[in-house]
N, C-alpha and C. Protein backbone atom coordinates (compact mmCIF):
# COMPACT_ATOMS: atom_id res chain seq x y z
N MET A 1 0.61 -1.28 -0.11
CA MET A 1 0.04 0.25 -0.20
C MET A 1 0.77 1.29 0.21
N ASN A 2 0.60 2.18 -0.97
CA ASN A 2 1.54 3.15 -0.90
C ASN A 2 1.23 4.32 0.24
N GLN A 3 2.11 5.55 0.52
CA GLN A 3 1.77 6.28 1.52
C GLN A 3 0.34 6.80 1.11
N GLN A 4 0.01 7.49 0.34
CA GLN A 4 -1.11 8.31 -0.05
C GLN A 4 -2.53 7.34 0.32
N ALA A 5 -2.45 6.41 -0.25
CA ALA A 5 -3.57 5.22 0.24
C ALA A 5 -3.51 4.99 1.46
N PHE A 6 -2.34 4.50 2.09
CA PHE A 6 -2.41 4.56 3.69
C PHE A 6 -3.12 5.89 4.08
N THR A 7 -2.53 7.09 3.88
CA THR A 7 -3.21 8.24 4.72
C THR A 7 -4.57 8.33 4.71
N GLU A 8 -5.14 7.94 3.29
CA GLU A 8 -6.62 8.25 2.86
C GLU A 8 -7.43 6.93 3.77
N ALA A 9 -6.92 5.89 3.90
CA ALA A 9 -7.56 4.74 4.76
C ALA A 9 -7.71 4.96 6.21
N GLN A 10 -6.28 5.84 6.72
CA GLN A 10 -6.40 6.33 8.11
C GLN A 10 -7.25 7.61 8.42
N GLU A 11 -7.46 8.50 7.44
CA GLU A 11 -8.33 9.52 7.81
C GLU A 11 -9.71 9.01 7.76
N SER A 12 -10.31 7.95 7.07
CA SER A 12 -11.42 7.54 6.61
C SER A 12 -12.06 6.56 8.12
N VAL A 13 -10.97 6.19 8.75
CA VAL A 13 -11.26 5.32 9.97
C VAL A 13 -11.22 6.13 11.18
N SER A 14 -10.35 7.08 11.03
CA SER A 14 -9.80 7.80 12.39
C SER A 14 -11.31 9.02 12.68
N ALA A 15 -11.87 9.56 11.65
CA ALA A 15 -12.90 10.39 11.72
C ALA A 15 -13.73 10.34 10.88
N PRO A 16 -15.25 11.11 11.05
CA PRO A 16 -15.98 10.79 9.88
C PRO A 16 -15.46 12.06 8.76
N ARG A 17 -16.07 11.42 7.43
CA ARG A 17 -15.57 12.10 6.38
C ARG A 17 -15.64 13.40 6.31
N GLU A 18 -16.63 14.41 6.92
CA GLU A 18 -17.36 15.50 6.68
C GLU A 18 -16.01 16.29 7.65
N GLU A 19 -15.54 16.11 8.64
CA GLU A 19 -14.32 16.49 9.35
C GLU A 19 -12.91 16.31 8.96
N CYS A 20 -12.85 15.33 8.08
CA CYS A 20 -11.45 15.15 7.29
C CYS A 20 -11.17 16.10 6.18
N PRO A 21 -10.22 17.00 6.03
CA PRO A 21 -9.64 17.90 4.86
C PRO A 21 -9.46 16.78 4.03
N LEU A 22 -10.14 17.49 2.60
CA LEU A 22 -10.07 16.42 1.43
C LEU A 22 -8.62 17.02 0.96
N THR A 23 -7.99 16.30 0.23
CA THR A 23 -6.64 16.24 -0.62
C THR A 23 -7.14 17.32 -1.78
N VAL A 24 -6.30 17.69 -3.02
CA VAL A 24 -6.64 18.11 -3.98
C VAL A 24 -7.25 17.25 -4.81
N ARG A 25 -6.73 15.70 -5.29
CA ARG A 25 -7.54 14.71 -5.80
C ARG A 25 -8.98 14.54 -5.25
N GLN A 26 -9.28 14.56 -3.82
CA GLN A 26 -10.75 14.14 -3.39
C GLN A 26 -11.48 15.44 -3.80
N ALA A 27 -10.99 16.45 -3.72
CA ALA A 27 -11.67 18.00 -4.00
C ALA A 27 -12.05 18.15 -5.16
N ALA A 28 -11.21 17.73 -6.31
CA ALA A 28 -11.58 17.43 -7.63
C ALA A 28 -12.35 16.62 -7.90
N LYS A 29 -12.27 15.56 -7.66
CA LYS A 29 -13.66 14.43 -7.65
C LYS A 29 -14.79 15.01 -7.29
N TYR A 30 -14.88 15.59 -5.99
CA TYR A 30 -16.14 16.10 -5.43
C TYR A 30 -16.58 17.21 -6.14
N LEU A 31 -15.76 17.88 -6.84
CA LEU A 31 -16.20 18.96 -7.59
C LEU A 31 -16.70 18.89 -9.00
N GLY A 32 -15.98 17.51 -9.45
CA GLY A 32 -16.37 17.22 -11.11
C GLY A 32 -15.12 17.81 -11.95
N VAL A 33 -13.90 18.19 -11.34
CA VAL A 33 -13.04 18.69 -12.13
C VAL A 33 -11.86 18.15 -12.29
N SER A 34 -10.72 18.40 -12.81
CA SER A 34 -9.67 17.77 -12.92
C SER A 34 -8.79 18.54 -11.67
N THR A 35 -7.65 17.58 -11.21
CA THR A 35 -6.75 18.33 -10.25
C THR A 35 -6.10 19.73 -10.67
N GLN A 36 -5.90 19.47 -12.10
CA GLN A 36 -5.15 21.02 -12.43
C GLN A 36 -5.99 21.92 -12.53
N THR A 37 -7.23 21.85 -12.54
CA THR A 37 -8.57 22.92 -12.62
C THR A 37 -8.13 23.44 -10.93
N VAL A 38 -8.12 22.66 -9.85
CA VAL A 38 -8.10 22.72 -8.61
C VAL A 38 -6.91 23.69 -8.40
N TYR A 39 -5.87 23.15 -8.65
CA TYR A 39 -4.83 24.00 -8.45
C TYR A 39 -4.85 25.62 -9.15
N LEU A 40 -5.58 25.42 -10.27
CA LEU A 40 -5.31 26.76 -10.79
C LEU A 40 -6.40 27.78 -9.89
N TRP A 41 -7.46 27.13 -9.83
CA TRP A 41 -8.28 28.01 -8.28
C TRP A 41 -7.85 28.01 -7.46
N VAL A 42 -6.72 27.72 -6.93
CA VAL A 42 -6.05 27.89 -5.47
C VAL A 42 -4.95 28.80 -5.89
N GLU A 43 -4.39 28.84 -6.80
CA GLU A 43 -3.65 29.97 -7.43
C GLU A 43 -4.13 30.99 -7.66
N ARG A 44 -5.53 31.24 -8.18
CA ARG A 44 -6.00 32.49 -8.27
C ARG A 44 -6.94 32.71 -6.95
N LYS A 45 -6.62 32.12 -6.40
CA LYS A 45 -7.55 32.45 -4.83
C LYS A 45 -9.19 32.58 -5.29
N GLN A 46 -9.48 31.58 -6.11
CA GLN A 46 -11.15 31.63 -6.37
C GLN A 46 -11.55 30.34 -5.45
N ILE A 47 -10.86 29.61 -4.61
CA ILE A 47 -11.63 28.59 -4.01
C ILE A 47 -11.06 28.53 -2.48
N PRO A 48 -12.16 27.99 -1.29
CA PRO A 48 -11.34 28.12 -0.24
C PRO A 48 -10.64 26.85 -0.06
N HIS A 49 -9.40 27.28 0.70
CA HIS A 49 -8.48 26.08 0.73
C HIS A 49 -7.57 26.44 2.10
N LEU A 50 -6.78 25.47 2.56
CA LEU A 50 -6.01 25.48 3.77
C LEU A 50 -4.56 25.22 3.22
N ARG A 51 -3.56 25.62 3.89
CA ARG A 51 -2.26 25.19 3.61
C ARG A 51 -1.66 24.49 4.92
N VAL A 52 -1.27 23.14 4.49
CA VAL A 52 -0.83 22.36 5.96
C VAL A 52 0.54 22.08 5.52
N MET A 53 1.38 22.47 6.70
CA MET A 53 2.61 22.51 6.64
C MET A 53 3.39 23.06 5.10
N GLY A 54 2.89 24.23 4.95
CA GLY A 54 3.70 25.09 3.84
C GLY A 54 3.20 24.68 2.64
N ARG A 55 3.03 23.51 1.92
CA ARG A 55 2.81 23.46 0.33
C ARG A 55 1.92 22.48 0.33
N ASN A 56 1.57 21.32 1.19
CA ASN A 56 0.09 20.65 1.22
C ASN A 56 -1.21 21.32 1.61
N ILE A 57 -1.82 21.13 0.50
CA ILE A 57 -3.26 21.84 0.09
C ILE A 57 -4.45 21.11 1.03
N ARG A 58 -5.24 21.66 1.47
CA ARG A 58 -6.57 20.85 1.79
C ARG A 58 -7.59 21.61 1.76
N PHE A 59 -8.77 20.75 1.92
CA PHE A 59 -9.94 21.67 1.48
C PHE A 59 -11.11 20.79 2.63
N LEU A 60 -12.05 21.97 3.23
CA LEU A 60 -12.84 21.48 4.22
C LEU A 60 -14.23 21.31 3.35
N ARG A 61 -14.69 20.14 3.24
CA ARG A 61 -16.02 19.49 2.61
C ARG A 61 -17.07 20.93 3.13
N SER A 62 -17.04 21.60 4.10
CA SER A 62 -18.44 22.57 4.64
C SER A 62 -17.68 23.86 3.72
N ASP A 63 -16.59 24.16 3.36
CA ASP A 63 -16.17 25.05 2.73
C ASP A 63 -16.47 25.02 1.09
N LEU A 64 -16.46 23.91 0.76
CA LEU A 64 -16.65 23.46 -1.01
C LEU A 64 -18.13 23.38 -1.28
N GLU A 65 -18.96 22.97 -0.17
CA GLU A 65 -20.45 22.78 -0.89
C GLU A 65 -21.08 24.11 -1.43
N PRO A 66 -20.89 25.40 -0.81
CA PRO A 66 -21.35 26.76 -1.64
C PRO A 66 -20.60 26.85 -2.72
N PHE A 67 -19.26 26.70 -2.63
CA PHE A 67 -18.53 27.10 -3.88
C PHE A 67 -19.14 25.87 -4.90
N ARG A 68 -19.30 24.88 -4.69
CA ARG A 68 -19.73 23.77 -5.77
C ARG A 68 -21.14 24.25 -6.07
N ALA A 69 -21.98 24.56 -5.41
CA ALA A 69 -23.31 25.18 -5.85
C ALA A 69 -23.18 26.04 -6.87
N SER A 70 -22.33 27.00 -6.63
CA SER A 70 -22.32 28.27 -7.37
C SER A 70 -21.69 27.98 -8.91
N PHE A 71 -20.51 26.97 -8.56
CA PHE A 71 -19.95 26.76 -9.84
C PHE A 71 -20.83 25.69 -10.46
N LYS A 72 -21.72 25.22 -10.06
CA LYS A 72 -22.88 24.19 -10.84
C LYS A 72 -23.66 25.48 -11.40
N GLN A 73 -24.04 26.29 -10.49
CA GLN A 73 -24.98 27.25 -11.16
C GLN A 73 -24.24 28.06 -12.45
N GLU A 74 -22.83 28.28 -12.22
CA GLU A 74 -22.29 29.29 -13.33
C GLU A 74 -22.54 28.27 -14.69
N MET A 75 -22.05 27.07 -14.53
CA MET A 75 -22.13 25.93 -15.70
C MET A 75 -23.53 25.94 -16.25
N GLU A 76 -24.59 26.07 -15.47
CA GLU A 76 -26.01 25.76 -16.06
C GLU A 76 -25.75 27.34 -16.94
N ASN A 77 -25.62 28.37 -16.55
CA ASN A 77 -25.87 29.63 -16.95
C ASN A 77 -24.94 29.67 -18.20
N GLY A 78 -23.80 28.66 -18.34
CA GLY A 78 -23.01 28.93 -19.61
C GLY A 78 -21.92 29.90 -19.50
N LYS A 79 -21.55 30.06 -17.93
CA LYS A 79 -20.38 30.92 -17.58
C LYS A 79 -19.46 30.00 -17.19
N THR A 80 -17.98 30.31 -16.93
CA THR A 80 -16.96 29.75 -16.25
C THR A 80 -16.18 30.68 -15.53
N ARG A 81 -15.45 30.03 -14.73
CA ARG A 81 -14.54 30.82 -13.76
C ARG A 81 -13.26 31.15 -14.65
């Protein structure tokens, strides 16, 4: 088992999923976009995120829910960020 898989498995066992910060990959899957898009939004400060130990980026699901709703609304209206 690689380190990332171990960490994700450990997080899912140790606390409810809502309380665990999401990785970039998990956030991208939740939002239905690529990881590159998530990194771009972070760089542009368009998405709420946390920096952990300097370079690691994490997301709280509670912060992503309103962002996801507004993103989906913009997509339905034909707009993009």
